[in-house]
């Protein structure tokens, strides 16, 4: 027989782990987005597109205006 305290205790111990995973994932995605918008010059898509990624600069061109609006130089 389980008691209500045991169920609550189990939920309380798992919640910080879940919250840590969610926060960690959000931080990684935010850093990846900042890298893609402000720094990337073709290296992000290079594993998929090869040399075409550096020649066409798809990510750079997609985020070009956002870089200037944010005050970041890109040339």
PDB file of N, CA and C in Angstrom:
ATOM      1  N   UNK A   1       0.837  -1.177   0.000  1.00  0.00           N
ATOM      2  CA  UNK A   1       0.000   0.000   0.000  1.00  0.00           C
ATOM      3  C   UNK A   1       0.883   1.242   0.000  1.00  0.00           C
ATOM      4  N   UNK A   2       0.576   2.150  -0.859  1.00  0.00           N
ATOM      5  CA  UNK A   2       1.367   3.379  -0.913  1.00  0.00           C
ATOM      6  C   UNK A   2       0.651   4.484  -0.165  1.00  0.00           C
ATOM      7  N   UNK A   3       1.430   5.365   0.359  1.00  0.00           N
ATOM      8  CA  UNK A   3       0.853   6.513   1.057  1.00  0.00           C
ATOM      9  C   UNK A   3       0.960   7.736   0.169  1.00  0.00           C
ATOM     10  N   UNK A   4       0.065   8.709   0.345  1.00  0.00           N
ATOM     11  CA  UNK A   4       0.146   9.923  -0.479  1.00  0.00           C
ATOM     12  C   UNK A   4       1.494  10.629  -0.354  1.00  0.00           C
ATOM     13  N   UNK A   5       2.111  10.551   0.816  1.00  0.00           N
ATOM     14  CA  UNK A   5       3.414  11.190   0.999  1.00  0.00           C
ATOM     15  C   UNK A   5       4.491  10.583   0.114  1.00  0.00           C
ATOM     16  N   UNK A   6       4.418   9.255  -0.107  1.00  0.00           N
ATOM     17  CA  UNK A   6       5.411   8.585  -0.946  1.00  0.00           C
ATOM     18  C   UNK A   6       5.272   9.022  -2.397  1.00  0.00           C
ATOM     19  N   UNK A   7       4.063   9.176  -2.858  1.00  0.00           N
ATOM     20  CA  UNK A   7       3.837   9.609  -4.236  1.00  0.00           C
ATOM     21  C   UNK A   7       4.329  11.036  -4.424  1.00  0.00           C
ATOM     22  N   UNK A   8       3.997  11.905  -3.483  1.00  0.00           N
ATOM     23  CA  UNK A   8       4.445  13.293  -3.576  1.00  0.00           C
ATOM     24  C   UNK A   8       5.961  13.356  -3.497  1.00  0.00           C
ATOM     25  N   UNK A   9       6.556  12.568  -2.616  1.00  0.00           N
ATOM     26  CA  UNK A   9       8.008  12.558  -2.480  1.00  0.00           C
ATOM     27  C   UNK A   9       8.697  12.146  -3.767  1.00  0.00           C
ATOM     28  N   UNK A  10       8.136  11.167  -4.463  1.00  0.00           N
ATOM     29  CA  UNK A  10       8.732  10.723  -5.728  1.00  0.00           C
ATOM     30  C   UNK A  10       8.635  11.820  -6.779  1.00  0.00           C
ATOM     31  N   UNK A  11       7.507  12.531  -6.820  1.00  0.00           N
ATOM     32  CA  UNK A  11       7.338  13.613  -7.791  1.00  0.00           C
ATOM     33  C   UNK A  11       8.259  14.784  -7.513  1.00  0.00           C
ATOM     34  N   UNK A  12       8.491  15.058  -6.242  1.00  0.00           N
ATOM     35  CA  UNK A  12       9.342  16.185  -5.875  1.00  0.00           C
ATOM     36  C   UNK A  12      10.787  15.921  -6.264  1.00  0.00           C
ATOM     37  N   UNK A  13      11.250  14.697  -6.160  1.00  0.00           N
ATOM     38  CA  UNK A  13      12.640  14.415  -6.493  1.00  0.00           C
ATOM     39  C   UNK A  13      12.881  14.431  -7.998  1.00  0.00           C
ATOM     40  N   UNK A  14      11.869  14.122  -8.793  1.00  0.00           N
ATOM     41  CA  UNK A  14      12.048  14.109 -10.240  1.00  0.00           C
ATOM     42  C   UNK A  14      11.885  15.490 -10.863  1.00  0.00           C
ATOM     43  N   UNK A  15      11.152  16.364 -10.227  1.00  0.00           N
ATOM     44  CA  UNK A  15      10.887  17.670 -10.818  1.00  0.00           C
ATOM     45  C   UNK A  15      12.157  18.497 -11.044  1.00  0.00           C
ATOM     46  N   UNK A  16      13.083  18.589 -10.088  1.00  0.00           N
ATOM     47  CA  UNK A  16      14.305  19.353 -10.361  1.00  0.00           C
ATOM     48  C   UNK A  16      15.119  18.781 -11.514  1.00  0.00           C
ATOM     49  N   UNK A  17      15.111  17.467 -11.662  1.00  0.00           N
ATOM     50  CA  UNK A  17      15.843  16.854 -12.776  1.00  0.00           C
ATOM     51  C   UNK A  17      15.204  17.253 -14.096  1.00  0.00           C
ATOM     52  N   UNK A  18      13.872  17.157 -14.170  1.00  0.00           N
ATOM     53  CA  UNK A  18      13.150  17.533 -15.389  1.00  0.00           C
ATOM     54  C   UNK A  18      13.359  19.011 -15.700  1.00  0.00           C
ATOM     55  N   UNK A  19      13.257  19.857 -14.671  1.00  0.00           N
ATOM     56  CA  UNK A  19      13.453  21.287 -14.885  1.00  0.00           C
ATOM     57  C   UNK A  19      14.870  21.590 -15.352  1.00  0.00           C
ATOM     58  N   UNK A  20      15.845  20.879 -14.808  1.00  0.00           N
ATOM     59  CA  UNK A  20      17.226  21.069 -15.234  1.00  0.00           C
ATOM     60  C   UNK A  20      17.434  20.688 -16.687  1.00  0.00           C
ATOM     61  N   UNK A  21      16.789  19.608 -17.106  1.00  0.00           N
ATOM     62  CA  UNK A  21      16.900  19.184 -18.504  1.00  0.00           C
ATOM     63  C   UNK A  21      16.249  20.210 -19.425  1.00  0.00           C
ATOM     64  N   UNK A  22      15.086  20.720 -19.036  1.00  0.00           N
ATOM     65  CA  UNK A  22      14.396  21.724 -19.854  1.00  0.00           C
ATOM     66  C   UNK A  22      15.224  22.998 -19.946  1.00  0.00           C
ATOM     67  N   UNK A  23      15.750  23.462 -18.836  1.00  0.00           N
ATOM     68  CA  UNK A  23      16.562  24.681 -18.841  1.00  0.00           C
ATOM     69  C   UNK A  23      17.844  24.475 -19.640  1.00  0.00           C
ATOM     70  N   UNK A  24      18.487  23.337 -19.465  1.00  0.00           N
ATOM     71  CA  UNK A  24      19.704  23.047 -20.222  1.00  0.00           C
ATOM     72  C   UNK A  24      19.456  23.011 -21.719  1.00  0.00           C
ATOM     73  N   UNK A  25      18.351  22.392 -22.120  1.00  0.00           N
ATOM     74  CA  UNK A  25      17.994  22.341 -23.538  1.00  0.00           C
ATOM     75  C   UNK A  25      17.713  23.733 -24.081  1.00  0.00           C
ATOM     76  N   UNK A  26      17.000  24.551 -23.312  1.00  0.00           N
ATOM     77  CA  UNK A  26      16.696  25.918 -23.744  1.00  0.00           C
ATOM     78  C   UNK A  26      17.970  26.746 -23.899  1.00  0.00           C
ATOM     79  N   UNK A  27      18.912  26.584 -22.980  1.00  0.00           N
ATOM     80  CA  UNK A  27      20.174  27.326 -23.061  1.00  0.00           C
ATOM     81  C   UNK A  27      20.971  26.897 -24.287  1.00  0.00           C
ATOM     82  N   UNK A  28      21.041  25.600 -24.545  1.00  0.00           N
ATOM     83  CA  UNK A  28      21.778  25.107 -25.715  1.00  0.00           C
ATOM     84  C   UNK A  28      21.146  25.624 -27.005  1.00  0.00           C
ATOM     85  N   UNK A  29      19.825  25.584 -27.101  1.00  0.00           N
ATOM     86  CA  UNK A  29      19.146  26.092 -28.300  1.00  0.00           C
ATOM     87  C   UNK A  29      19.339  27.595 -28.466  1.00  0.00           C
ATOM     88  N   UNK A  30      19.314  28.339 -27.364  1.00  0.00           N
ATOM     89  CA  UNK A  30      19.539  29.785 -27.438  1.00  0.00           C
ATOM     90  C   UNK A  30      20.959  30.093 -27.909  1.00  0.00           C
ATOM     91  N   UNK A  31      21.945  29.375 -27.388  1.00  0.00           N
ATOM     92  CA  UNK A  31      23.327  29.602 -27.814  1.00  0.00           C
ATOM     93  C   UNK A  31      23.536  29.214 -29.273  1.00  0.00           C
ATOM     94  N   UNK A  32      22.919  28.135 -29.704  1.00  0.00           N
ATOM     95  CA  UNK A  32      23.008  27.722 -31.100  1.00  0.00           C
ATOM     96  C   UNK A  32      22.369  28.767 -32.019  1.00  0.00           C
ATOM     97  N   UNK A  33      21.248  29.328 -31.604  1.00  0.00           N
ATOM     98  CA  UNK A  33      20.595  30.377 -32.388  1.00  0.00           C
ATOM     99  C   UNK A  33      21.462  31.625 -32.460  1.00  0.00           C
ATOM    100  N   UNK A  34      22.041  32.033 -31.341  1.00  0.00           N
ATOM    101  CA  UNK A  34      22.927  33.202 -31.351  1.00  0.00           C
ATOM    102  C   UNK A  34      24.137  32.965 -32.244  1.00  0.00           C
ATOM    103  N   UNK A  35      24.695  31.766 -32.198  1.00  0.00           N
ATOM    104  CA  UNK A  35      25.820  31.438 -33.070  1.00  0.00           C
ATOM    105  C   UNK A  35      25.403  31.530 -34.536  1.00  0.00           C
ATOM    106  N   UNK A  36      24.252  30.957 -34.855  1.00  0.00           N
ATOM    107  CA  UNK A  36      23.788  30.937 -36.243  1.00  0.00           C
ATOM    108  C   UNK A  36      23.533  32.345 -36.761  1.00  0.00           C
ATOM    109  N   UNK A  37      22.972  33.211 -35.939  1.00  0.00           N
ATOM    110  CA  UNK A  37      22.623  34.560 -36.394  1.00  0.00           C
ATOM    111  C   UNK A  37      23.840  35.471 -36.438  1.00  0.00           C
ATOM    112  N   UNK A  38      24.707  35.417 -35.447  1.00  0.00           N
ATOM    113  CA  UNK A  38      25.769  36.413 -35.342  1.00  0.00           C
ATOM    114  C   UNK A  38      27.151  35.964 -35.807  1.00  0.00           C
ATOM    115  N   UNK A  39      27.441  34.684 -35.836  1.00  0.00           N
ATOM    116  CA  UNK A  39      28.814  34.258 -36.108  1.00  0.00           C
ATOM    117  C   UNK A  39      28.949  33.409 -37.360  1.00  0.00           C
ATOM    118  N   UNK A  40      27.986  32.548 -37.630  1.00  0.00           N
ATOM    119  CA  UNK A  40      28.137  31.549 -38.687  1.00  0.00           C
ATOM    120  C   UNK A  40      28.370  32.175 -40.057  1.00  0.00           C
ATOM    121  N   UNK A  41      29.352  31.635 -40.776  1.00  0.00           N
ATOM    122  CA  UNK A  41      29.654  32.064 -42.143  1.00  0.00           C
ATOM    123  C   UNK A  41      29.625  30.867 -43.088  1.00  0.00           C
ATOM    124  N   UNK A  42      28.820  29.869 -42.767  1.00  0.00           N
ATOM    125  CA  UNK A  42      28.698  28.700 -43.622  1.00  0.00           C
ATOM    126  C   UNK A  42      29.060  27.393 -42.950  1.00  0.00           C
ATOM    127  N   UNK A  43      29.736  27.445 -41.816  1.00  0.00           N
ATOM    128  CA  UNK A  43      30.194  26.216 -41.159  1.00  0.00           C
ATOM    129  C   UNK A  43      29.049  25.397 -40.570  1.00  0.00           C
ATOM    130  N   UNK A  44      27.949  26.034 -40.232  1.00  0.00           N
ATOM    131  CA  UNK A  44      26.839  25.327 -39.600  1.00  0.00           C
ATOM    132  C   UNK A  44      26.208  24.295 -40.530  1.00  0.00           C
ATOM    133  N   UNK A  45      26.077  24.631 -41.796  1.00  0.00           N
ATOM    134  CA  UNK A  45      25.468  23.709 -42.757  1.00  0.00           C
ATOM    135  C   UNK A  45      26.494  22.916 -43.562  1.00  0.00           C
ATOM    136  N   UNK A  46      27.776  23.122 -43.307  1.00  0.00           N
ATOM    137  CA  UNK A  46      28.823  22.441 -44.070  1.00  0.00           C
ATOM    138  C   UNK A  46      28.728  20.914 -44.010  1.00  0.00           C
ATOM    139  N   UNK A  47      28.395  20.305 -42.872  1.00  0.00           N
ATOM    140  CA  UNK A  47      28.271  18.840 -42.884  1.00  0.00           C
ATOM    141  C   UNK A  47      27.170  18.336 -43.824  1.00  0.00           C
ATOM    142  N   UNK A  48      26.159  19.152 -44.061  1.00  0.00           N
ATOM    143  CA  UNK A  48      25.063  18.741 -44.941  1.00  0.00           C
ATOM    144  C   UNK A  48      25.294  19.131 -46.395  1.00  0.00           C
ATOM    145  N   UNK A  49      25.822  20.341 -46.621  1.00  0.00           N
ATOM    146  CA  UNK A  49      25.915  20.872 -47.982  1.00  0.00           C
ATOM    147  C   UNK A  49      27.327  20.912 -48.551  1.00  0.00           C
ATOM    148  N   UNK A  50      28.326  20.698 -47.716  1.00  0.00           N
ATOM    149  CA  UNK A  50      29.705  20.730 -48.188  1.00  0.00           C
ATOM    150  C   UNK A  50      30.137  22.128 -48.603  1.00  0.00           C
ATOM    151  N   UNK A  51      30.887  22.235 -49.702  1.00  0.00           N
ATOM    152  CA  UNK A  51      31.435  23.514 -50.159  1.00  0.00           C
ATOM    153  C   UNK A  51      30.334  24.507 -50.536  1.00  0.00           C
ATOM    154  N   UNK A  52      29.197  24.031 -50.976  1.00  0.00           N
ATOM    155  CA  UNK A  52      28.083  24.907 -51.335  1.00  0.00           C
ATOM    156  C   UNK A  52      27.660  25.778 -50.154  1.00  0.00           C
ATOM    157  N   UNK A  53      27.798  25.253 -48.955  1.00  0.00           N
ATOM    158  CA  UNK A  53      27.434  26.007 -47.762  1.00  0.00           C
ATOM    159  C   UNK A  53      28.283  27.265 -47.624  1.00  0.00           C
ATOM    160  N   UNK A  54      29.585  27.173 -47.922  1.00  0.00           N
ATOM    161  CA  UNK A  54      30.465  28.333 -47.814  1.00  0.00           C
ATOM    162  C   UNK A  54      30.287  29.277 -48.997  1.00  0.00           C
ATOM    163  N   UNK A  55      30.001  28.734 -50.168  1.00  0.00           N
ATOM    164  CA  UNK A  55      29.834  29.570 -51.356  1.00  0.00           C
ATOM    165  C   UNK A  55      28.542  30.379 -51.309  1.00  0.00           C
ATOM    166  N   UNK A  56      27.465  29.761 -50.873  1.00  0.00           N
ATOM    167  CA  UNK A  56      26.162  30.428 -50.892  1.00  0.00           C
ATOM    168  C   UNK A  56      25.828  31.134 -49.581  1.00  0.00           C
ATOM    169  N   UNK A  57      26.433  30.727 -48.469  1.00  0.00           N
ATOM    170  CA  UNK A  57      26.190  31.344 -47.161  1.00  0.00           C
ATOM    171  C   UNK A  57      24.703  31.462 -46.839  1.00  0.00           C
ATOM    172  N   UNK A  58      23.980  30.358 -46.893  1.00  0.00           N
ATOM    173  CA  UNK A  58      22.536  30.376 -46.683  1.00  0.00           C
ATOM    174  C   UNK A  58      22.143  30.977 -45.336  1.00  0.00           C
ATOM    175  N   UNK A  59      22.789  30.545 -44.254  1.00  0.00           N
ATOM    176  CA  UNK A  59      22.435  31.042 -42.926  1.00  0.00           C
ATOM    177  C   UNK A  59      22.784  32.517 -42.814  1.00  0.00           C
ATOM    178  N   UNK A  60      23.929  32.922 -43.348  1.00  0.00           N
ATOM    179  CA  UNK A  60      24.337  34.325 -43.304  1.00  0.00           C
ATOM    180  C   UNK A  60      23.319  35.206 -44.026  1.00  0.00           C
ATOM    181  N   UNK A  61      22.925  34.810 -45.194  1.00  0.00           N
ATOM    182  CA  UNK A  61      21.971  35.617 -45.959  1.00  0.00           C
ATOM    183  C   UNK A  61      20.595  35.633 -45.304  1.00  0.00           C
ATOM    184  N   UNK A  62      20.196  34.521 -44.696  1.00  0.00           N
ATOM    185  CA  UNK A  62      18.902  34.468 -44.028  1.00  0.00           C
ATOM    186  C   UNK A  62      18.866  35.412 -42.829  1.00  0.00           C
ATOM    187  N   UNK A  63      19.968  35.512 -42.086  1.00  0.00           N
ATOM    188  CA  UNK A  63      20.016  36.330 -40.872  1.00  0.00           C
ATOM    189  C   UNK A  63      20.684  37.680 -41.100  1.00  0.00           C
ATOM    190  N   UNK A  64      20.969  38.047 -42.332  1.00  0.00           N
ATOM    191  CA  UNK A  64      21.733  39.250 -42.642  1.00  0.00           C
ATOM    192  C   UNK A  64      21.098  40.516 -42.082  1.00  0.00           C
ATOM    193  N   UNK A  65      19.831  40.743 -42.358  1.00  0.00           N
ATOM    194  CA  UNK A  65      19.173  41.958 -41.879  1.00  0.00           C
ATOM    195  C   UNK A  65      19.030  41.959 -40.361  1.00  0.00           C
ATOM    196  N   UNK A  66      18.796  40.792 -39.778  1.00  0.00           N
ATOM    197  CA  UNK A  66      18.689  40.713 -38.318  1.00  0.00           C
ATOM    198  C   UNK A  66      20.008  41.094 -37.660  1.00  0.00           C
ATOM    199  N   UNK A  67      21.117  40.752 -38.282  1.00  0.00           N
ATOM    200  CA  UNK A  67      22.427  41.141 -37.736  1.00  0.00           C
ATOM    201  C   UNK A  67      22.567  42.656 -37.703  1.00  0.00           C
ATOM    202  N   UNK A  68      22.182  43.309 -38.784  1.00  0.00           N
ATOM    203  CA  UNK A  68      22.312  44.764 -38.834  1.00  0.00           C
ATOM    204  C   UNK A  68      21.341  45.449 -37.874  1.00  0.00           C
ATOM    205  N   UNK A  69      20.129  44.945 -37.755  1.00  0.00           N
ATOM    206  CA  UNK A  69      19.159  45.523 -36.825  1.00  0.00           C
ATOM    207  C   UNK A  69      19.669  45.400 -35.392  1.00  0.00           C
ATOM    208  N   UNK A  70      20.329  44.303 -35.077  1.00  0.00           N
ATOM    209  CA  UNK A  70      20.868  44.092 -33.733  1.00  0.00           C
ATOM    210  C   UNK A  70      22.173  44.854 -33.510  1.00  0.00           C
ATOM    211  N   UNK A  71      22.692  45.488 -34.543  1.00  0.00           N
ATOM    212  CA  UNK A  71      23.913  46.267 -34.405  1.00  0.00           C
ATOM    213  C   UNK A  71      25.182  45.455 -34.527  1.00  0.00           C
ATOM    214  N   UNK A  72      25.092  44.252 -35.042  1.00  0.00           N
ATOM    215  CA  UNK A  72      26.271  43.400 -35.192  1.00  0.00           C
ATOM    216  C   UNK A  72      26.816  43.523 -36.610  1.00  0.00           C
ATOM    217  N   UNK A  73      28.104  43.807 -36.747  1.00  0.00           N
ATOM    218  CA  UNK A  73      28.679  43.867 -38.094  1.00  0.00           C
ATOM    219  C   UNK A  73      28.813  42.463 -38.672  1.00  0.00           C
ATOM    220  N   UNK A  74      28.686  42.365 -39.969  1.00  0.00           N
ATOM    221  CA  UNK A  74      28.817  41.038 -40.575  1.00  0.00           C
ATOM    222  C   UNK A  74      29.719  41.067 -41.803  1.00  0.00           C
ATOM    223  N   UNK A  75      30.348  42.174 -42.088  1.00  0.00           N
ATOM    224  CA  UNK A  75      31.252  42.244 -43.246  1.00  0.00           C
ATOM    225  C   UNK A  75      32.635  42.667 -42.784  1.00  0.00           C
TER     226      UNK A  75
END
